[in-house]
């Protein structure tokens, strides 16, 4: 049987639903890039949210998988917004190494009003509030949570502010979401969701080259800002300038691909890509887990949960429906 392993001079493209880490050593930059196809389509189609909500949640999913796949341990990375806009809640849960689930909550009347007025940008739909990034390493480890204010910026702006505030790492983020017509089985075309994203960070060996003092309210020790120039390093300016040339259509276009896009951006400096991290639509809910939660309810809470003689629970993430006989939770 022929050897199917890549050999020197050959290259294996990651394709959709796989986060590709990369490094541009000449510019002291590292990052990750991704294109989401089938996985994203399944999540959004199952929820069947209005299009503006689906686009917003898709951006959040892309951002979460870019950040979550950087975890080097078994655990979870959870991104959540809490705001006063028509879409007041977004939650994306990434469980290592690959599982993604997500949902949104919105006010249908306020959303319809905003859509009729053409106010469907992320700033319009979210309003003001906060975004929280939570790293959960399991029951025996303390959770870490970083919170950044949402006050009119895009999802990209929020992510960049988070890294500058919490870790003082110069970061640039690009996100894009699209509906693309694909040829359907049996002929004709059908529309499907796609999205793409890229995060690049400046990580020189000498920390003082980052030259970014902490933002007000950040948690960096005061002495880290002493003596730092306000002008960014030339290498980082070049990285940002190159990433800024990326068009949203390129990020989501299946004919471009992550590796081709990275080569277009950084071929003059040299870019190295690493094995991809695949991601998938995978909810962790189960009948046993939900039964365990219900078993902790008081008799009064169980009674309040009964409708038409049954207890019905629908998972907000995957829309799976579970029904239980109240007798299963009778307190002795």
Protein backbone atom coordinates (compact mmCIF):
# COMPACT_ATOMS: atom_id res chain seq x y z
CA UNK A 1 0.00 0.00 0.00
CA UNK A 2 1.33 3.44 -0.93
CA UNK A 3 2.62 5.65 1.86
CA UNK A 4 0.05 8.44 2.32
CA UNK A 5 2.12 10.48 4.76
CA UNK A 6 3.31 13.91 3.52
CA UNK A 7 6.94 13.99 2.41
CA UNK A 8 9.38 16.85 2.06
CA UNK A 9 8.01 19.38 -0.40
CA UNK A 10 4.38 18.42 0.16
CA UNK A 11 1.91 20.32 2.30
CA UNK A 12 -1.30 19.21 4.02
CA UNK A 13 -3.93 22.00 4.17
CA UNK A 14 -6.01 22.15 7.35
CA UNK A 15 -9.31 23.05 5.68
CA UNK A 16 -12.45 24.12 7.52
CA UNK A 17 -13.07 23.82 11.28
CA UNK A 18 -9.40 23.67 12.18
CA UNK A 19 -7.39 26.37 13.99
CA UNK A 20 -3.92 26.81 12.49
CA UNK A 21 -1.19 28.18 14.80
CA UNK A 22 1.52 30.17 13.03
CA UNK A 23 4.69 32.09 13.75
CA UNK A 24 6.54 34.86 11.94
CA UNK A 25 9.87 34.64 13.73
CA UNK A 26 11.43 37.53 11.83
CA UNK A 27 8.82 39.86 13.32
CA UNK A 28 8.55 38.17 16.76
CA UNK A 29 4.89 37.43 16.06
CA UNK A 30 2.73 34.41 16.77
CA UNK A 31 -0.91 33.78 16.16
CA UNK A 32 -3.74 31.50 15.07
CA UNK A 33 -6.11 31.57 12.12
CA UNK A 34 -9.26 29.61 11.31
CA UNK A 35 -12.08 29.15 8.83
CA UNK A 36 -15.31 27.66 10.16
CA UNK A 37 -17.76 25.90 7.87
CA UNK A 38 -19.88 22.86 8.70
CA UNK A 39 -19.41 23.18 12.46
CA UNK A 40 -20.64 26.77 12.50
CA UNK A 41 -23.47 26.01 10.07
CA UNK A 42 -24.78 23.24 12.34
CA UNK A 43 -24.78 25.43 15.45
CA UNK A 44 -26.51 28.40 13.83
CA UNK A 45 -29.04 26.37 11.83
CA UNK A 46 -30.10 24.45 14.93
CA UNK A 47 -30.84 27.65 16.83
CA UNK A 48 -32.45 29.39 13.82
CA UNK A 49 -31.85 32.84 15.29
CA UNK A 50 -32.64 35.97 13.24
CA UNK A 51 -29.72 36.70 10.90
CA UNK A 52 -28.26 39.66 12.88
CA UNK A 53 -28.13 37.49 16.02
CA UNK A 54 -26.55 34.59 14.13
CA UNK A 55 -23.85 36.86 12.72
CA UNK A 56 -23.04 38.25 16.14
CA UNK A 57 -22.88 34.80 17.74
CA UNK A 58 -20.72 33.56 14.85
CA UNK A 59 -18.17 36.30 15.55
CA UNK A 60 -18.12 35.26 19.19
CA UNK A 61 -17.62 31.60 18.22
CA UNK A 62 -14.66 32.46 15.99
CA UNK A 63 -13.06 34.56 18.71
CA UNK A 64 -13.58 31.84 21.33
CA UNK A 65 -12.03 29.04 19.28
CA UNK A 66 -9.04 31.26 18.43
CA UNK A 67 -8.45 31.88 22.14
CA UNK A 68 -9.58 28.53 23.54
CA UNK A 69 -7.36 26.39 21.34
CA UNK A 70 -4.32 28.04 22.93
CA UNK A 71 -5.02 26.24 26.23
CA UNK A 72 -2.29 23.75 27.16
CA UNK A 73 -4.35 21.80 29.70
CA UNK A 74 -7.66 19.97 30.01
CA UNK A 75 -10.35 22.50 30.81
CA UNK A 76 -12.73 25.08 29.44
CA UNK A 77 -12.56 28.54 27.96
CA UNK A 78 -15.86 30.42 28.18
CA UNK A 79 -16.65 33.78 26.57
CA UNK A 80 -19.81 35.57 27.71
CA UNK A 81 -21.36 38.99 27.21
CA UNK A 82 -23.86 40.68 29.50
CA UNK A 83 -25.19 43.91 28.05
CA UNK A 84 -28.19 46.24 27.79
CA UNK A 85 -28.68 45.92 24.03
CA UNK A 86 -31.28 43.95 22.05
CA UNK A 87 -28.92 40.94 22.26
CA UNK A 88 -28.25 40.96 25.99
CA UNK A 89 -26.44 37.63 26.34
CA UNK A 90 -23.98 35.62 24.24
CA UNK A 91 -22.27 32.50 25.58
CA UNK A 92 -19.66 30.37 23.83
CA UNK A 93 -18.20 27.39 25.67
CA UNK A 94 -15.01 25.72 24.39
CA UNK A 95 -13.95 22.47 26.09
CA UNK A 96 -10.49 21.14 25.27
CA UNK A 97 -9.41 19.79 22.96
CA UNK A 98 -12.16 20.53 20.42
CA UNK A 99 -15.78 20.84 21.66
CA UNK A 100 -17.72 24.03 20.92
CA UNK A 101 -21.25 24.99 21.96
CA UNK A 102 -22.98 28.37 21.95
CA UNK A 103 -26.24 30.23 22.38
CA UNK A 104 -27.67 33.76 22.41
CA UNK A 105 -30.52 35.53 24.20
CA UNK A 106 -32.30 38.50 22.68
CA UNK A 107 -35.40 40.67 22.93
CA UNK A 108 -37.41 40.00 19.77
CA UNK A 109 -39.24 43.33 19.83
CA UNK A 110 -36.12 45.43 20.37
CA UNK A 111 -34.25 43.42 17.74
CA UNK A 112 -37.03 43.97 15.18
CA UNK A 113 -36.98 47.70 15.91
CA UNK A 114 -33.20 47.89 15.55
CA UNK A 115 -33.25 45.86 12.32
CA UNK A 116 -35.96 48.08 10.81
CA UNK A 117 -33.80 51.11 11.54
CA UNK A 118 -30.68 49.47 10.09
CA UNK A 119 -28.93 49.34 13.46
CA UNK A 120 -27.47 45.82 13.24
CA UNK A 121 -23.76 46.34 13.94
CA UNK A 122 -22.27 44.53 16.93
CA UNK A 123 -22.19 47.85 18.77
CA UNK A 124 -25.89 48.44 18.11
CA UNK A 125 -26.99 44.94 19.07
CA UNK A 126 -24.87 44.59 22.20
CA UNK A 127 -25.10 48.10 23.61
CA UNK A 128 -23.01 48.62 26.74
CA UNK A 129 -22.00 46.11 29.36
CA UNK A 130 -19.16 43.63 29.82
CA UNK A 131 -17.53 40.64 28.20
CA UNK A 132 -16.01 38.01 30.47
CA UNK A 133 -13.39 35.44 29.49
CA UNK A 134 -13.24 32.53 31.94
CA UNK A 135 -10.54 29.85 32.08
CA UNK A 136 -11.68 26.79 34.03
CA UNK A 137 -9.03 24.15 34.76
CA UNK A 138 -11.39 21.83 36.62
CA UNK A 139 -12.87 21.29 40.05
CA UNK A 140 -9.52 21.31 41.89
CA UNK A 141 -8.12 24.48 40.33
CA UNK A 142 -9.14 28.10 40.80
CA UNK A 143 -10.97 29.72 37.91
CA UNK A 144 -9.41 32.71 36.21
CA UNK A 145 -11.71 35.40 34.81
CA UNK A 146 -10.85 38.51 32.84
CA UNK A 147 -13.51 41.16 32.27
CA UNK A 148 -13.45 43.93 29.68
CA UNK A 149 -15.94 46.72 29.18
CA UNK A 150 -18.22 46.81 26.16
CA UNK A 151 -18.81 50.44 25.30
CA UNK A 152 -19.40 50.76 21.60
CA UNK A 153 -16.44 48.88 20.12
CA UNK A 154 -16.48 45.90 17.79
CA UNK A 155 -15.78 42.33 18.89
CA UNK A 156 -12.27 42.79 17.50
CA UNK A 157 -11.73 45.94 19.59
CA UNK A 158 -12.93 44.15 22.72
CA UNK A 159 -10.50 41.25 22.25
CA UNK A 160 -7.56 43.59 21.67
CA UNK A 161 -8.44 45.61 24.77
CA UNK A 162 -8.68 42.42 26.83
CA UNK A 163 -5.14 41.36 25.97
CA UNK A 164 -3.72 44.81 26.52
CA UNK A 165 -5.51 45.17 29.85
CA UNK A 166 -5.02 41.71 31.31
CA UNK A 167 -1.72 40.54 29.83
CA UNK A 168 -0.12 43.64 28.28
CA UNK A 169 0.39 41.74 25.01
CA UNK A 170 0.07 43.76 21.78
CA UNK A 171 -2.64 41.92 19.86
CA UNK A 172 -4.56 42.38 16.63
CA UNK A 173 -7.74 40.47 15.77
CA UNK A 174 -9.71 40.07 12.54
CA UNK A 175 -13.15 38.41 12.36
CA UNK A 176 -15.54 37.88 9.44
CA UNK A 177 -18.89 36.14 8.95
CA UNK A 178 -20.65 35.36 5.67
CA UNK A 179 -23.55 33.50 4.07
CA UNK A 180 -22.25 31.61 1.03
CA UNK A 181 -24.22 29.70 -1.59
CA UNK A 182 -23.00 26.13 -2.06
CA UNK A 183 -23.96 23.51 -4.60
CA UNK A 184 -26.48 21.13 -3.02
CA UNK A 185 -26.74 17.39 -3.53
CA UNK A 186 -29.15 16.67 -6.34
CA UNK A 187 -28.56 20.03 -8.00
CA UNK A 188 -29.23 23.64 -7.22
CA UNK A 189 -27.69 25.74 -4.48
CA UNK A 190 -28.23 26.29 -0.76
CA UNK A 191 -26.88 28.96 1.54
CA UNK A 192 -24.65 28.11 4.46
CA UNK A 193 -22.82 29.97 7.20
CA UNK A 194 -19.08 30.49 7.10
CA UNK A 195 -16.71 32.53 9.19
CA UNK A 196 -13.04 33.20 9.56
CA UNK A 197 -10.68 34.85 11.96
CA UNK A 198 -7.10 35.61 12.80
CA UNK A 199 -5.27 36.69 15.93
CA UNK A 200 -1.65 37.87 15.87
CA UNK A 201 0.40 38.83 18.92
CA UNK A 202 3.79 40.48 19.44
CA UNK A 203 5.92 38.26 21.68
CA UNK A 204 9.57 39.34 21.55
CA UNK A 205 12.15 37.80 23.87
CA UNK A 206 12.71 41.20 25.49
CA UNK A 207 9.43 42.24 27.19
CA UNK A 208 10.37 45.92 27.12
CA UNK A 209 10.06 45.84 23.33
CA UNK A 210 6.29 45.49 23.69
CA UNK A 211 6.16 49.16 24.77
CA UNK A 212 2.52 49.09 25.81
CA UNK A 213 1.70 50.51 29.25
CA UNK A 214 -1.30 48.98 30.98
CA UNK A 215 -4.75 50.43 30.38
CA UNK A 216 -6.54 52.19 33.27
CA UNK A 217 -8.06 49.53 35.46
CA UNK A 218 -5.62 46.87 34.30
CA UNK A 219 -3.95 44.48 36.71
CA UNK A 220 -0.29 44.92 35.74
CA UNK A 221 2.12 45.97 38.53
CA UNK A 222 2.84 49.71 38.29
CA UNK A 223 6.58 49.23 37.78
CA UNK A 224 6.02 47.38 34.48
CA UNK A 225 5.05 50.66 32.84
CA UNK A 226 8.07 52.59 34.06
CA UNK A 227 10.39 53.77 31.34
CA UNK A 228 8.35 52.30 28.51
CA UNK A 229 8.13 54.35 25.32
CA UNK A 230 4.70 55.06 23.91
CA UNK A 231 5.71 54.23 20.34
CA UNK A 232 5.25 50.55 19.37
CA UNK A 233 8.12 48.48 18.06
CA UNK A 234 8.70 48.66 14.29
CA UNK A 235 8.27 44.90 13.95
CA UNK A 236 4.83 45.09 15.55
CA UNK A 237 3.85 48.03 13.36
CA UNK A 238 4.70 45.89 10.33
CA UNK A 239 2.63 42.95 11.62
CA UNK A 240 -0.38 45.19 12.19
CA UNK A 241 -0.02 46.83 8.79
CA UNK A 242 0.07 43.43 7.06
CA UNK A 243 -2.89 42.02 9.00
CA UNK A 244 -4.88 45.18 8.29
CA UNK A 245 -4.72 44.35 4.57
CA UNK A 246 -6.92 41.30 5.12
CA UNK A 247 -10.38 41.70 3.62
CA UNK A 248 -13.40 40.12 5.39
CA UNK A 249 -14.17 38.21 2.19
CA UNK A 250 -10.71 36.57 2.31
CA UNK A 251 -11.16 35.38 5.88
CA UNK A 252 -14.34 33.43 5.09
CA UNK A 253 -13.64 32.40 1.46
CA UNK A 254 -13.17 28.61 1.16
CA UNK A 255 -11.15 29.12 -2.03
CA UNK A 256 -8.54 31.19 -0.17
CA UNK A 257 -7.85 28.96 2.82
CA UNK A 258 -5.90 29.78 5.96
CA UNK A 259 -2.47 28.71 4.71
CA UNK A 260 -2.76 30.65 1.44
CA UNK A 261 -3.84 33.75 3.34
CA UNK A 262 -0.92 33.47 5.77
CA UNK A 263 1.48 33.06 2.85
CA UNK A 264 0.06 36.14 1.13
CA UNK A 265 0.53 38.21 4.27
CA UNK A 266 3.92 37.07 5.50
CA UNK A 267 5.82 35.31 2.68
CA UNK A 268 8.45 38.06 2.46
CA UNK A 269 9.32 37.58 6.13
CA UNK A 270 8.69 33.85 6.26
CA UNK A 271 5.78 32.21 8.08
CA UNK A 272 5.75 28.85 9.80
CA UNK A 273 2.51 26.94 10.40
CA UNK A 274 2.01 24.21 13.00
CA UNK A 275 -0.36 21.23 13.26
CA UNK A 276 -3.98 22.37 13.29
CA UNK A 277 -6.42 22.02 16.20
CA UNK A 278 -9.73 20.66 14.90
CA UNK A 279 -12.94 22.01 16.47
CA UNK A 280 -16.44 20.51 16.39
CA UNK A 281 -20.03 21.15 17.34
CA UNK A 282 -20.28 19.07 20.51
CA UNK A 283 -22.50 19.74 23.53
CA UNK A 284 -21.66 18.13 26.86
CA UNK A 285 -25.25 17.91 28.09
CA UNK A 286 -26.78 14.49 28.84
CA UNK A 287 -29.81 13.04 30.53
CA UNK A 288 -27.71 11.87 33.49
CA UNK A 289 -26.16 15.33 34.02
CA UNK A 290 -29.53 17.08 33.95
CA UNK A 291 -31.02 14.48 36.28
CA UNK A 292 -28.16 15.11 38.72
CA UNK A 293 -28.95 18.84 38.70
CA UNK A 294 -32.66 18.24 39.24
CA UNK A 295 -31.89 15.86 42.10
CA UNK A 296 -30.37 18.79 43.99
CA UNK A 297 -33.67 20.74 43.82
CA UNK A 298 -35.88 21.07 46.87
CA UNK A 299 -39.34 19.49 46.86
CA UNK A 300 -40.84 22.93 46.29
CA UNK A 301 -38.55 23.60 43.31
CA UNK A 302 -39.43 20.22 41.83
CA UNK A 303 -43.14 20.99 42.21
CA UNK A 304 -42.68 24.35 40.49
CA UNK A 305 -40.94 22.61 37.57
CA UNK A 306 -43.81 20.26 36.77
CA UNK A 307 -45.94 20.98 33.71
CA UNK A 308 -48.65 18.56 32.51
CA UNK A 309 -47.37 15.93 34.90
CA UNK A 310 -43.78 15.99 33.54
CA UNK A 311 -40.56 17.91 34.09
CA UNK A 312 -39.26 19.12 30.73
CA UNK A 313 -35.78 20.57 30.19
CA UNK A 314 -34.33 21.88 26.93
CA UNK A 315 -30.59 22.51 26.66
CA UNK A 316 -29.98 26.13 25.68
CA UNK A 317 -26.80 25.17 23.85
CA UNK A 318 -27.88 22.27 21.64
CA UNK A 319 -31.71 22.42 21.94
CA UNK A 320 -31.87 18.77 23.03
CA UNK A 321 -35.14 18.11 24.88
CA UNK A 322 -35.33 15.91 27.99
CA UNK A 323 -38.40 14.81 29.96
CA UNK A 324 -38.57 13.30 33.46
CA UNK A 325 -41.20 11.74 35.69
CA UNK A 326 -41.44 13.87 38.87
CA UNK A 327 -41.54 10.61 40.86
CA UNK A 328 -37.83 10.19 40.06
CA UNK A 329 -37.12 13.14 42.39
CA UNK A 330 -39.46 12.35 45.27
CA UNK A 331 -37.77 13.22 48.57
CA UNK A 332 -37.83 10.49 51.18
